[in-house]
Amino acid sequence: MARLRGTEGYAQEADILLKTYESIPFDKAQERVLPLLPRPPARLLDIGAGTGRDAAGFAALGYDVVAAEPTDEMREGGRRLHAEANIEWLDDGLPDLAALRGRGVRFDVVMMTAVWMHLDQAEQRCAMPNVASLLRLRGVLAMTLRYGPVPPGRRMFEVSTGETIALAAASGLELVVEEDTPTLVKRTVPVTWKRLVFRR
């Protein structure tokens, strides 16, 4: 697959990012989300899975996990790091999710952690219905929104909480949680995060 827009910078920094992301414990990163999810062995999709930290954490809990990651270097690094985890890795990404949608499979949970800011407004409008189409009835979408300066060499955009919620509503998703979430990586610039959880 050709490299997707929005993945700029990740291939070049993969070695550093693999260490950084893996330094954050799964249960710390997702502790607020876990009580809101269907119990395992529910089927879970991690979009923009990166190093596979979360995918492996969910797999260890008994979820049936598919990890979609469009950057080869991150995906292959994640495979190596979590070789023992029961994860199906897939080369796919936003906004189209063409490989996933082509399978016709639906999920009980879709995770999008730190990926939405890589899409411009037009891509977000395209992506949300594609994501929603992958959810089963009563399925849960959990995502985080990033606010702060763009690192050099990255493709990121300002995101709007209100617009994201409206896009989700137009795709048949009901907001169940909106909350600020702490920054878990030390940064030299101020970055804040918001978590949104929807149910179909």
N, C-alpha and C. Protein backbone atom coordinates (compact mmCIF):
# COMPACT_ATOMS: atom_id res chain seq x y z
N MET A 1 0.84 -1.19 0.00
CA MET A 1 0.00 0.00 0.00
C MET A 1 0.88 1.24 0.00
N ALA A 2 0.54 2.25 -0.81
CA ALA A 2 1.27 3.50 -0.81
C ALA A 2 1.13 4.16 0.55
N ARG A 3 2.16 4.92 0.95
CA ARG A 3 2.12 5.57 2.26
C ARG A 3 0.99 6.58 2.32
N LEU A 4 0.17 6.48 3.37
CA LEU A 4 -0.97 7.38 3.53
C LEU A 4 -0.53 8.75 4.00
N ARG A 5 -1.26 9.77 3.56
CA ARG A 5 -1.05 11.11 4.11
C ARG A 5 -1.39 11.05 5.60
N GLY A 6 -0.62 11.78 6.38
CA GLY A 6 -0.83 11.76 7.82
C GLY A 6 0.16 10.88 8.55
N THR A 7 0.87 10.03 7.80
CA THR A 7 1.86 9.16 8.44
C THR A 7 3.28 9.74 8.34
N GLU A 8 3.38 10.95 7.77
CA GLU A 8 4.70 11.56 7.60
C GLU A 8 5.44 11.65 8.93
N GLY A 9 6.71 11.29 8.89
CA GLY A 9 7.56 11.40 10.07
C GLY A 9 7.63 10.14 10.91
N TYR A 10 6.63 9.29 10.80
CA TYR A 10 6.59 8.11 11.66
C TYR A 10 7.59 7.04 11.24
N ALA A 11 7.77 6.85 9.95
CA ALA A 11 8.74 5.85 9.49
C ALA A 11 10.15 6.23 9.94
N GLN A 12 10.50 7.51 9.77
CA GLN A 12 11.84 7.97 10.11
C GLN A 12 12.12 7.89 11.61
N GLU A 13 11.08 8.04 12.43
CA GLU A 13 11.25 8.06 13.89
C GLU A 13 10.77 6.77 14.55
N ALA A 14 10.56 5.74 13.75
CA ALA A 14 9.94 4.52 14.28
C ALA A 14 10.69 3.95 15.48
N ASP A 15 12.00 3.89 15.42
CA ASP A 15 12.76 3.29 16.52
C ASP A 15 12.54 4.04 17.82
N ILE A 16 12.56 5.37 17.74
CA ILE A 16 12.34 6.20 18.94
C ILE A 16 10.90 6.05 19.43
N LEU A 17 9.95 6.10 18.50
CA LEU A 17 8.55 6.04 18.87
C LEU A 17 8.17 4.69 19.47
N LEU A 18 8.78 3.63 18.97
CA LEU A 18 8.51 2.31 19.54
C LEU A 18 8.86 2.28 21.02
N LYS A 19 9.98 2.89 21.38
CA LYS A 19 10.40 2.93 22.78
C LYS A 19 9.49 3.85 23.59
N THR A 20 9.17 5.02 23.02
CA THR A 20 8.35 6.00 23.74
C THR A 20 6.96 5.46 24.04
N TYR A 21 6.29 4.94 23.02
CA TYR A 21 4.92 4.45 23.21
C TYR A 21 4.87 3.26 24.15
N GLU A 22 5.87 2.38 24.03
CA GLU A 22 5.88 1.19 24.87
C GLU A 22 6.22 1.52 26.32
N SER A 23 6.73 2.70 26.57
CA SER A 23 7.07 3.08 27.95
C SER A 23 5.82 3.41 28.76
N ILE A 24 4.68 3.60 28.10
CA ILE A 24 3.43 3.90 28.79
C ILE A 24 2.66 2.59 28.99
N PRO A 25 2.38 2.21 30.22
CA PRO A 25 1.66 0.94 30.44
C PRO A 25 0.26 0.98 29.83
N PHE A 26 -0.14 -0.14 29.27
CA PHE A 26 -1.46 -0.25 28.65
C PHE A 26 -2.57 0.12 29.63
N ASP A 27 -2.51 -0.43 30.85
CA ASP A 27 -3.61 -0.19 31.78
C ASP A 27 -3.67 1.27 32.21
N LYS A 28 -2.55 1.97 32.19
CA LYS A 28 -2.55 3.40 32.49
C LYS A 28 -3.18 4.18 31.35
N ALA A 29 -2.85 3.81 30.13
CA ALA A 29 -3.35 4.52 28.96
C ALA A 29 -4.85 4.32 28.76
N GLN A 30 -5.36 3.15 29.09
CA GLN A 30 -6.75 2.82 28.76
C GLN A 30 -7.62 2.53 29.99
N GLU A 31 -7.17 2.90 31.17
CA GLU A 31 -7.91 2.55 32.38
C GLU A 31 -9.32 3.15 32.41
N ARG A 32 -9.50 4.34 31.84
CA ARG A 32 -10.82 4.97 31.86
C ARG A 32 -11.76 4.36 30.83
N VAL A 33 -11.19 3.76 29.79
CA VAL A 33 -12.01 3.20 28.71
C VAL A 33 -12.50 1.79 29.03
N LEU A 34 -11.66 1.01 29.68
CA LEU A 34 -11.96 -0.41 29.88
C LEU A 34 -13.34 -0.69 30.47
N PRO A 35 -13.80 0.06 31.49
CA PRO A 35 -15.12 -0.25 32.06
C PRO A 35 -16.28 0.03 31.10
N LEU A 36 -16.03 0.77 30.03
CA LEU A 36 -17.09 1.15 29.09
C LEU A 36 -17.24 0.17 27.94
N LEU A 37 -16.33 -0.79 27.84
CA LEU A 37 -16.29 -1.67 26.68
C LEU A 37 -17.05 -2.97 26.93
N PRO A 38 -17.58 -3.56 25.85
CA PRO A 38 -18.12 -4.93 25.97
C PRO A 38 -17.02 -5.85 26.49
N ARG A 39 -17.41 -6.84 27.25
CA ARG A 39 -16.42 -7.74 27.82
C ARG A 39 -15.85 -8.69 26.77
N PRO A 40 -14.60 -9.12 26.95
CA PRO A 40 -14.04 -10.13 26.04
C PRO A 40 -14.83 -11.42 26.15
N PRO A 41 -14.88 -12.20 25.05
CA PRO A 41 -14.05 -12.13 23.84
C PRO A 41 -14.64 -11.29 22.73
N ALA A 42 -15.07 -10.07 23.02
CA ALA A 42 -15.57 -9.18 21.98
C ALA A 42 -14.50 -8.94 20.92
N ARG A 43 -14.97 -8.60 19.71
CA ARG A 43 -14.06 -8.35 18.59
C ARG A 43 -13.66 -6.89 18.60
N LEU A 44 -12.36 -6.59 18.58
CA LEU A 44 -11.84 -5.23 18.76
C LEU A 44 -10.91 -4.86 17.61
N LEU A 45 -11.08 -3.65 17.11
CA LEU A 45 -10.23 -3.09 16.06
C LEU A 45 -9.48 -1.89 16.62
N ASP A 46 -8.16 -1.89 16.47
CA ASP A 46 -7.32 -0.77 16.87
C ASP A 46 -6.82 -0.08 15.61
N ILE A 47 -7.37 1.10 15.29
CA ILE A 47 -6.99 1.85 14.09
C ILE A 47 -5.82 2.76 14.43
N GLY A 48 -4.76 2.67 13.63
CA GLY A 48 -3.54 3.42 13.94
C GLY A 48 -2.86 2.79 15.14
N ALA A 49 -2.68 1.48 15.08
CA ALA A 49 -2.24 0.70 16.24
C ALA A 49 -0.80 0.99 16.66
N GLY A 50 -0.02 1.62 15.79
CA GLY A 50 1.34 2.00 16.18
C GLY A 50 2.18 0.80 16.57
N THR A 51 2.68 0.82 17.82
CA THR A 51 3.58 -0.23 18.30
C THR A 51 2.84 -1.49 18.73
N GLY A 52 1.51 -1.42 18.78
CA GLY A 52 0.75 -2.57 19.22
C GLY A 52 0.60 -2.67 20.73
N ARG A 53 1.02 -1.64 21.45
CA ARG A 53 0.90 -1.67 22.92
C ARG A 53 -0.54 -1.94 23.36
N ASP A 54 -1.47 -1.16 22.81
CA ASP A 54 -2.87 -1.33 23.21
C ASP A 54 -3.45 -2.62 22.65
N ALA A 55 -3.12 -2.92 21.40
CA ALA A 55 -3.62 -4.15 20.79
C ALA A 55 -3.20 -5.36 21.62
N ALA A 56 -1.95 -5.38 22.05
CA ALA A 56 -1.46 -6.49 22.87
C ALA A 56 -2.14 -6.52 24.23
N GLY A 57 -2.37 -5.35 24.80
CA GLY A 57 -3.04 -5.27 26.09
C GLY A 57 -4.46 -5.82 26.01
N PHE A 58 -5.17 -5.44 24.96
CA PHE A 58 -6.54 -5.95 24.80
C PHE A 58 -6.54 -7.45 24.51
N ALA A 59 -5.58 -7.90 23.70
CA ALA A 59 -5.49 -9.33 23.40
C ALA A 59 -5.23 -10.13 24.67
N ALA A 60 -4.40 -9.61 25.57
CA ALA A 60 -4.11 -10.30 26.82
C ALA A 60 -5.34 -10.42 27.71
N LEU A 61 -6.28 -9.49 27.54
CA LEU A 61 -7.53 -9.55 28.31
C LEU A 61 -8.54 -10.50 27.70
N GLY A 62 -8.24 -11.00 26.49
CA GLY A 62 -9.12 -11.96 25.86
C GLY A 62 -9.92 -11.43 24.69
N TYR A 63 -9.66 -10.17 24.28
CA TYR A 63 -10.34 -9.64 23.10
C TYR A 63 -9.78 -10.26 21.83
N ASP A 64 -10.61 -10.34 20.82
CA ASP A 64 -10.23 -10.81 19.48
C ASP A 64 -9.79 -9.56 18.71
N VAL A 65 -8.49 -9.37 18.53
CA VAL A 65 -7.94 -8.07 18.13
C VAL A 65 -7.42 -8.05 16.69
N VAL A 66 -7.83 -7.01 15.96
CA VAL A 66 -7.23 -6.66 14.67
C VAL A 66 -6.55 -5.31 14.85
N ALA A 67 -5.28 -5.22 14.47
CA ALA A 67 -4.51 -3.98 14.59
C ALA A 67 -4.24 -3.45 13.18
N ALA A 68 -4.80 -2.30 12.85
CA ALA A 68 -4.59 -1.67 11.55
C ALA A 68 -3.55 -0.57 11.69
N GLU A 69 -2.45 -0.68 10.98
CA GLU A 69 -1.37 0.30 11.05
C GLU A 69 -0.78 0.49 9.65
N PRO A 70 -0.87 1.73 9.11
CA PRO A 70 -0.42 1.95 7.73
C PRO A 70 1.08 2.17 7.55
N THR A 71 1.81 2.45 8.61
CA THR A 71 3.25 2.69 8.48
C THR A 71 4.00 1.37 8.65
N ASP A 72 4.68 0.94 7.60
CA ASP A 72 5.34 -0.36 7.61
C ASP A 72 6.28 -0.52 8.80
N GLU A 73 7.09 0.52 9.05
CA GLU A 73 8.10 0.43 10.10
C GLU A 73 7.48 0.28 11.48
N MET A 74 6.35 0.95 11.71
CA MET A 74 5.66 0.82 12.99
C MET A 74 4.98 -0.54 13.10
N ARG A 75 4.33 -0.96 12.02
CA ARG A 75 3.61 -2.23 12.04
C ARG A 75 4.57 -3.40 12.26
N GLU A 76 5.70 -3.39 11.54
CA GLU A 76 6.65 -4.48 11.68
C GLU A 76 7.34 -4.44 13.04
N GLY A 77 7.59 -3.23 13.54
CA GLY A 77 8.14 -3.11 14.89
C GLY A 77 7.18 -3.66 15.93
N GLY A 78 5.89 -3.35 15.76
CA GLY A 78 4.88 -3.87 16.67
C GLY A 78 4.78 -5.38 16.63
N ARG A 79 4.87 -5.93 15.43
CA ARG A 79 4.86 -7.41 15.29
C ARG A 79 5.99 -8.04 16.09
N ARG A 80 7.18 -7.43 15.99
CA ARG A 80 8.34 -7.98 16.70
C ARG A 80 8.17 -7.85 18.21
N LEU A 81 7.72 -6.68 18.65
CA LEU A 81 7.59 -6.43 20.08
C LEU A 81 6.54 -7.33 20.73
N HIS A 82 5.50 -7.63 19.98
CA HIS A 82 4.37 -8.37 20.55
C HIS A 82 4.12 -9.66 19.76
N ALA A 83 5.22 -10.34 19.45
CA ALA A 83 5.14 -11.55 18.63
C ALA A 83 4.30 -12.64 19.29
N GLU A 84 4.25 -12.64 20.61
CA GLU A 84 3.51 -13.69 21.32
C GLU A 84 2.03 -13.35 21.47
N ALA A 85 1.66 -12.10 21.19
CA ALA A 85 0.27 -11.68 21.38
C ALA A 85 -0.60 -12.20 20.23
N ASN A 86 -1.83 -12.50 20.54
CA ASN A 86 -2.78 -12.99 19.53
C ASN A 86 -3.41 -11.78 18.82
N ILE A 87 -2.67 -11.20 17.89
CA ILE A 87 -3.10 -10.01 17.16
C ILE A 87 -3.04 -10.29 15.66
N GLU A 88 -4.07 -9.90 14.94
CA GLU A 88 -4.02 -9.92 13.48
C GLU A 88 -3.62 -8.52 13.01
N TRP A 89 -2.45 -8.39 12.40
CA TRP A 89 -1.97 -7.11 11.91
C TRP A 89 -2.44 -6.90 10.48
N LEU A 90 -2.79 -5.65 10.16
CA LEU A 90 -3.32 -5.32 8.84
C LEU A 90 -2.76 -3.98 8.36
N ASP A 91 -2.37 -3.92 7.10
CA ASP A 91 -1.89 -2.68 6.48
C ASP A 91 -3.10 -1.91 5.97
N ASP A 92 -3.60 -0.98 6.79
CA ASP A 92 -4.78 -0.20 6.42
C ASP A 92 -4.81 1.05 7.29
N GLY A 93 -5.55 2.05 6.84
CA GLY A 93 -5.61 3.28 7.62
C GLY A 93 -6.70 4.21 7.16
N LEU A 94 -6.84 5.29 7.90
CA LEU A 94 -7.82 6.33 7.62
C LEU A 94 -7.36 7.21 6.46
N PRO A 95 -8.30 7.81 5.74
CA PRO A 95 -9.74 7.87 6.00
C PRO A 95 -10.54 6.72 5.37
N ASP A 96 -9.97 6.00 4.40
CA ASP A 96 -10.78 5.06 3.62
C ASP A 96 -11.00 3.72 4.30
N LEU A 97 -9.98 3.20 5.00
CA LEU A 97 -10.09 1.87 5.61
C LEU A 97 -10.58 0.84 4.60
N ALA A 98 -10.03 0.92 3.40
CA ALA A 98 -10.54 0.12 2.28
C ALA A 98 -10.41 -1.38 2.53
N ALA A 99 -9.27 -1.81 3.08
CA ALA A 99 -9.08 -3.24 3.31
C ALA A 99 -10.07 -3.77 4.34
N LEU A 100 -10.25 -3.04 5.41
CA LEU A 100 -11.18 -3.46 6.45
C LEU A 100 -12.61 -3.47 5.94
N ARG A 101 -13.01 -2.41 5.26
CA ARG A 101 -14.40 -2.35 4.78
C ARG A 101 -14.65 -3.42 3.72
N GLY A 102 -13.62 -3.76 2.96
CA GLY A 102 -13.77 -4.79 1.94
C GLY A 102 -14.02 -6.17 2.52
N ARG A 103 -13.65 -6.37 3.76
CA ARG A 103 -13.86 -7.67 4.40
C ARG A 103 -15.32 -7.87 4.83
N GLY A 104 -16.03 -6.76 5.04
CA GLY A 104 -17.41 -6.87 5.50
C GLY A 104 -17.55 -7.35 6.93
N VAL A 105 -16.50 -7.18 7.75
CA VAL A 105 -16.51 -7.63 9.15
C VAL A 105 -16.89 -6.45 10.05
N ARG A 106 -17.63 -6.72 11.11
CA ARG A 106 -18.01 -5.69 12.07
C ARG A 106 -17.37 -5.99 13.43
N PHE A 107 -17.19 -4.93 14.20
CA PHE A 107 -16.49 -5.03 15.47
C PHE A 107 -17.37 -4.54 16.62
N ASP A 108 -17.11 -5.10 17.80
CA ASP A 108 -17.79 -4.64 19.01
C ASP A 108 -17.14 -3.38 19.56
N VAL A 109 -15.85 -3.22 19.29
CA VAL A 109 -15.09 -2.06 19.77
C VAL A 109 -14.17 -1.58 18.66
N VAL A 110 -14.12 -0.25 18.47
CA VAL A 110 -13.12 0.36 17.61
C VAL A 110 -12.37 1.39 18.44
N MET A 111 -11.05 1.27 18.48
CA MET A 111 -10.18 2.21 19.19
C MET A 111 -9.46 3.09 18.18
N MET A 112 -9.44 4.40 18.44
CA MET A 112 -8.64 5.35 17.64
C MET A 112 -7.91 6.26 18.61
N THR A 113 -6.73 5.86 19.00
CA THR A 113 -5.94 6.61 19.98
C THR A 113 -4.88 7.43 19.26
N ALA A 114 -4.99 8.76 19.38
CA ALA A 114 -3.98 9.68 18.82
C ALA A 114 -3.82 9.53 17.31
N VAL A 115 -4.94 9.48 16.59
CA VAL A 115 -4.87 9.42 15.13
C VAL A 115 -5.72 10.48 14.43
N TRP A 116 -6.78 10.95 15.06
CA TRP A 116 -7.74 11.82 14.39
C TRP A 116 -7.10 13.12 13.90
N MET A 117 -6.11 13.63 14.62
CA MET A 117 -5.48 14.91 14.28
C MET A 117 -4.65 14.84 13.00
N HIS A 118 -4.43 13.63 12.48
CA HIS A 118 -3.69 13.49 11.22
C HIS A 118 -4.57 13.71 9.99
N LEU A 119 -5.86 13.87 10.20
CA LEU A 119 -6.80 14.05 9.09
C LEU A 119 -7.26 15.49 9.01
N ASP A 120 -7.30 16.04 7.78
CA ASP A 120 -7.89 17.37 7.62
C ASP A 120 -9.41 17.25 7.67
N GLN A 121 -10.11 18.36 7.57
CA GLN A 121 -11.56 18.34 7.75
C GLN A 121 -12.25 17.46 6.71
N ALA A 122 -11.82 17.56 5.45
CA ALA A 122 -12.43 16.73 4.41
C ALA A 122 -12.20 15.25 4.69
N GLU A 123 -11.01 14.90 5.15
CA GLU A 123 -10.70 13.49 5.46
C GLU A 123 -11.49 13.01 6.67
N GLN A 124 -11.69 13.89 7.64
CA GLN A 124 -12.51 13.53 8.80
C GLN A 124 -13.95 13.25 8.39
N ARG A 125 -14.48 14.06 7.48
CA ARG A 125 -15.85 13.85 7.01
C ARG A 125 -15.98 12.53 6.27
N CYS A 126 -14.93 12.14 5.58
CA CYS A 126 -14.91 10.85 4.88
C CYS A 126 -14.72 9.70 5.87
N ALA A 127 -13.85 9.91 6.85
CA ALA A 127 -13.45 8.83 7.75
C ALA A 127 -14.54 8.39 8.70
N MET A 128 -15.28 9.35 9.27
CA MET A 128 -16.21 8.98 10.35
C MET A 128 -17.27 7.97 9.90
N PRO A 129 -17.94 8.17 8.76
CA PRO A 129 -18.90 7.13 8.36
C PRO A 129 -18.24 5.79 8.04
N ASN A 130 -17.00 5.82 7.56
CA ASN A 130 -16.29 4.57 7.31
C ASN A 130 -16.01 3.83 8.62
N VAL A 131 -15.60 4.58 9.64
CA VAL A 131 -15.37 3.97 10.95
C VAL A 131 -16.68 3.43 11.52
N ALA A 132 -17.74 4.25 11.46
CA ALA A 132 -19.03 3.83 12.01
C ALA A 132 -19.56 2.57 11.34
N SER A 133 -19.26 2.42 10.05
CA SER A 133 -19.76 1.25 9.32
C SER A 133 -19.12 -0.05 9.78
N LEU A 134 -18.00 0.06 10.51
CA LEU A 134 -17.30 -1.13 11.00
C LEU A 134 -17.81 -1.58 12.37
N LEU A 135 -18.71 -0.80 12.98
CA LEU A 135 -19.22 -1.13 14.31
C LEU A 135 -20.51 -1.94 14.23
N ARG A 136 -20.58 -2.95 15.06
CA ARG A 136 -21.83 -3.66 15.23
C ARG A 136 -22.83 -2.80 16.00
N LEU A 137 -24.08 -3.15 15.95
CA LEU A 137 -25.09 -2.48 16.75
C LEU A 137 -24.70 -2.57 18.22
N ARG A 138 -24.75 -1.44 18.91
CA ARG A 138 -24.33 -1.28 20.31
C ARG A 138 -22.82 -1.33 20.46
N GLY A 139 -22.11 -1.33 19.35
CA GLY A 139 -20.66 -1.29 19.41
C GLY A 139 -20.16 0.05 19.92
N VAL A 140 -18.91 0.07 20.41
CA VAL A 140 -18.33 1.26 21.05
C VAL A 140 -17.13 1.76 20.25
N LEU A 141 -17.10 3.07 20.00
CA LEU A 141 -15.94 3.76 19.42
C LEU A 141 -15.33 4.62 20.51
N ALA A 142 -14.06 4.41 20.79
CA ALA A 142 -13.32 5.23 21.76
C ALA A 142 -12.16 5.91 21.03
N MET A 143 -12.08 7.24 21.13
CA MET A 143 -11.05 7.97 20.41
C MET A 143 -10.50 9.10 21.28
N THR A 144 -9.30 9.55 20.95
CA THR A 144 -8.71 10.69 21.63
C THR A 144 -8.42 11.79 20.63
N LEU A 145 -8.59 13.04 21.09
CA LEU A 145 -8.31 14.22 20.28
C LEU A 145 -7.12 14.96 20.88
N ARG A 146 -6.21 15.38 20.03
CA ARG A 146 -4.99 16.06 20.47
C ARG A 146 -5.09 17.55 20.21
N TYR A 147 -4.63 18.34 21.20
CA TYR A 147 -4.60 19.79 21.07
C TYR A 147 -3.20 20.28 21.44
N GLY A 148 -2.55 20.97 20.52
CA GLY A 148 -1.22 21.49 20.81
C GLY A 148 -0.42 21.69 19.55
N PRO A 149 0.80 22.23 19.68
CA PRO A 149 1.65 22.49 18.52
C PRO A 149 1.97 21.22 17.74
N VAL A 150 2.20 21.39 16.45
CA VAL A 150 2.53 20.27 15.57
C VAL A 150 4.04 20.04 15.58
N PRO A 151 4.51 18.84 15.88
CA PRO A 151 5.95 18.57 15.84
C PRO A 151 6.50 18.73 14.43
N PRO A 152 7.73 19.13 14.28
CA PRO A 152 8.35 19.26 12.95
C PRO A 152 8.27 17.94 12.19
N GLY A 153 7.96 18.05 10.89
CA GLY A 153 7.94 16.87 10.04
C GLY A 153 6.68 16.05 10.12
N ARG A 154 5.68 16.50 10.89
CA ARG A 154 4.43 15.75 11.02
C ARG A 154 3.30 16.48 10.29
N ARG A 155 2.32 15.72 9.85
CA ARG A 155 1.11 16.28 9.25
C ARG A 155 -0.01 16.16 10.28
N MET A 156 -0.35 17.28 10.90
CA MET A 156 -1.41 17.31 11.89
C MET A 156 -2.26 18.56 11.70
N PHE A 157 -3.48 18.50 12.20
CA PHE A 157 -4.41 19.61 12.05
C PHE A 157 -5.10 19.88 13.39
N GLU A 158 -5.59 21.11 13.53
CA GLU A 158 -6.43 21.40 14.69
C GLU A 158 -7.70 20.58 14.58
N VAL A 159 -8.15 20.06 15.70
CA VAL A 159 -9.39 19.30 15.71
C VAL A 159 -10.42 20.03 16.56
N SER A 160 -11.67 19.81 16.25
CA SER A 160 -12.78 20.43 16.98
C SER A 160 -13.58 19.33 17.67
N THR A 161 -13.73 19.46 18.98
CA THR A 161 -14.54 18.49 19.71
C THR A 161 -15.97 18.51 19.19
N GLY A 162 -16.53 19.71 19.05
CA GLY A 162 -17.92 19.84 18.61
C GLY A 162 -18.14 19.26 17.22
N GLU A 163 -17.23 19.54 16.30
CA GLU A 163 -17.37 19.01 14.94
C GLU A 163 -17.23 17.50 14.92
N THR A 164 -16.33 16.97 15.73
CA THR A 164 -16.15 15.52 15.79
C THR A 164 -17.40 14.84 16.32
N ILE A 165 -17.98 15.40 17.36
CA ILE A 165 -19.22 14.85 17.92
C ILE A 165 -20.35 14.92 16.90
N ALA A 166 -20.41 16.04 16.16
CA ALA A 166 -21.46 16.18 15.14
C ALA A 166 -21.28 15.18 14.00
N LEU A 167 -20.04 14.96 13.58
CA LEU A 167 -19.79 13.96 12.54
C LEU A 167 -20.20 12.56 13.01
N ALA A 168 -19.89 12.27 14.26
CA ALA A 168 -20.26 10.96 14.80
C ALA A 168 -21.78 10.82 14.85
N ALA A 169 -22.47 11.87 15.30
CA ALA A 169 -23.93 11.82 15.38
C ALA A 169 -24.54 11.60 14.00
N ALA A 170 -23.98 12.26 12.98
CA ALA A 170 -24.49 12.10 11.62
C ALA A 170 -24.26 10.68 11.09
N SER A 171 -23.32 9.97 11.71
CA SER A 171 -23.04 8.58 11.32
C SER A 171 -23.73 7.58 12.24
N GLY A 172 -24.65 8.06 13.06
CA GLY A 172 -25.43 7.16 13.90
C GLY A 172 -24.78 6.78 15.21
N LEU A 173 -23.80 7.60 15.68
CA LEU A 173 -23.10 7.29 16.92
C LEU A 173 -23.53 8.26 18.02
N GLU A 174 -23.84 7.72 19.18
CA GLU A 174 -24.29 8.52 20.33
C GLU A 174 -23.13 8.74 21.30
N LEU A 175 -22.90 10.00 21.69
CA LEU A 175 -21.83 10.31 22.64
C LEU A 175 -22.21 9.81 24.03
N VAL A 176 -21.30 9.05 24.66
CA VAL A 176 -21.56 8.59 26.02
C VAL A 176 -20.52 9.12 27.01
N VAL A 177 -19.34 9.52 26.54
CA VAL A 177 -18.32 10.10 27.41
C VAL A 177 -17.57 11.18 26.66
N GLU A 178 -17.38 12.32 27.32
CA GLU A 178 -16.49 13.38 26.85
C GLU A 178 -15.71 13.86 28.06
N GLU A 179 -14.38 13.67 28.03
CA GLU A 179 -13.59 14.02 29.19
C GLU A 179 -12.16 14.39 28.79
N ASP A 180 -11.55 15.25 29.60
CA ASP A 180 -10.14 15.55 29.44
C ASP A 180 -9.34 14.36 29.94
N THR A 181 -8.21 14.12 29.31
CA THR A 181 -7.37 12.99 29.72
C THR A 181 -5.93 13.47 29.84
N PRO A 182 -5.19 12.95 30.80
CA PRO A 182 -3.84 13.47 31.04
C PRO A 182 -2.87 13.11 29.92
N THR A 183 -1.85 13.95 29.78
CA THR A 183 -0.75 13.65 28.87
C THR A 183 0.21 12.70 29.57
N LEU A 184 0.49 11.57 28.95
CA LEU A 184 1.29 10.53 29.60
C LEU A 184 2.75 10.52 29.16
N VAL A 185 3.09 11.38 28.19
CA VAL A 185 4.47 11.48 27.71
C VAL A 185 4.97 12.89 28.01
N LYS A 186 6.17 12.99 28.59
CA LYS A 186 6.75 14.31 28.88
C LYS A 186 7.09 15.00 27.56
N ARG A 187 6.67 16.26 27.45
CA ARG A 187 6.90 17.02 26.22
C ARG A 187 7.47 18.39 26.56
N THR A 188 8.16 18.96 25.57
CA THR A 188 8.70 20.31 25.76
C THR A 188 7.69 21.37 25.39
N VAL A 189 6.60 20.96 24.73
CA VAL A 189 5.53 21.90 24.36
C VAL A 189 4.22 21.41 24.98
N PRO A 190 3.29 22.34 25.26
CA PRO A 190 2.04 21.92 25.91
C PRO A 190 1.12 21.17 24.95
N VAL A 191 0.77 19.96 25.31
CA VAL A 191 -0.18 19.15 24.54
C VAL A 191 -1.25 18.65 25.51
N THR A 192 -2.51 18.81 25.12
CA THR A 192 -3.60 18.29 25.93
C THR A 192 -4.43 17.33 25.08
N TRP A 193 -5.20 16.50 25.78
CA TRP A 193 -5.97 15.45 25.12
C TRP A 193 -7.39 15.43 25.64
N LYS A 194 -8.31 15.03 24.78
CA LYS A 194 -9.69 14.80 25.17
C LYS A 194 -10.10 13.42 24.67
N ARG A 195 -10.85 12.71 25.50
CA ARG A 195 -11.35 11.38 25.12
C ARG A 195 -12.85 11.48 24.82
N LEU A 196 -13.24 10.88 23.71
CA LEU A 196 -14.65 10.77 23.34
C LEU A 196 -14.98 9.29 23.19
N VAL A 197 -16.12 8.90 23.73
CA VAL A 197 -16.58 7.52 23.60
C VAL A 197 -18.02 7.57 23.05
N PHE A 198 -18.25 6.80 22.01
CA PHE A 198 -19.56 6.76 21.36
C PHE A 198 -20.10 5.34 21.34
N ARG A 199 -21.40 5.24 21.23
CA ARG A 199 -22.04 3.94 21.05
C ARG A 199 -22.95 3.98 19.84
N ARG A 200 -22.92 2.93 19.05
CA ARG A 200 -23.77 2.89 17.86
C ARG A 200 -25.19 2.44 18.22
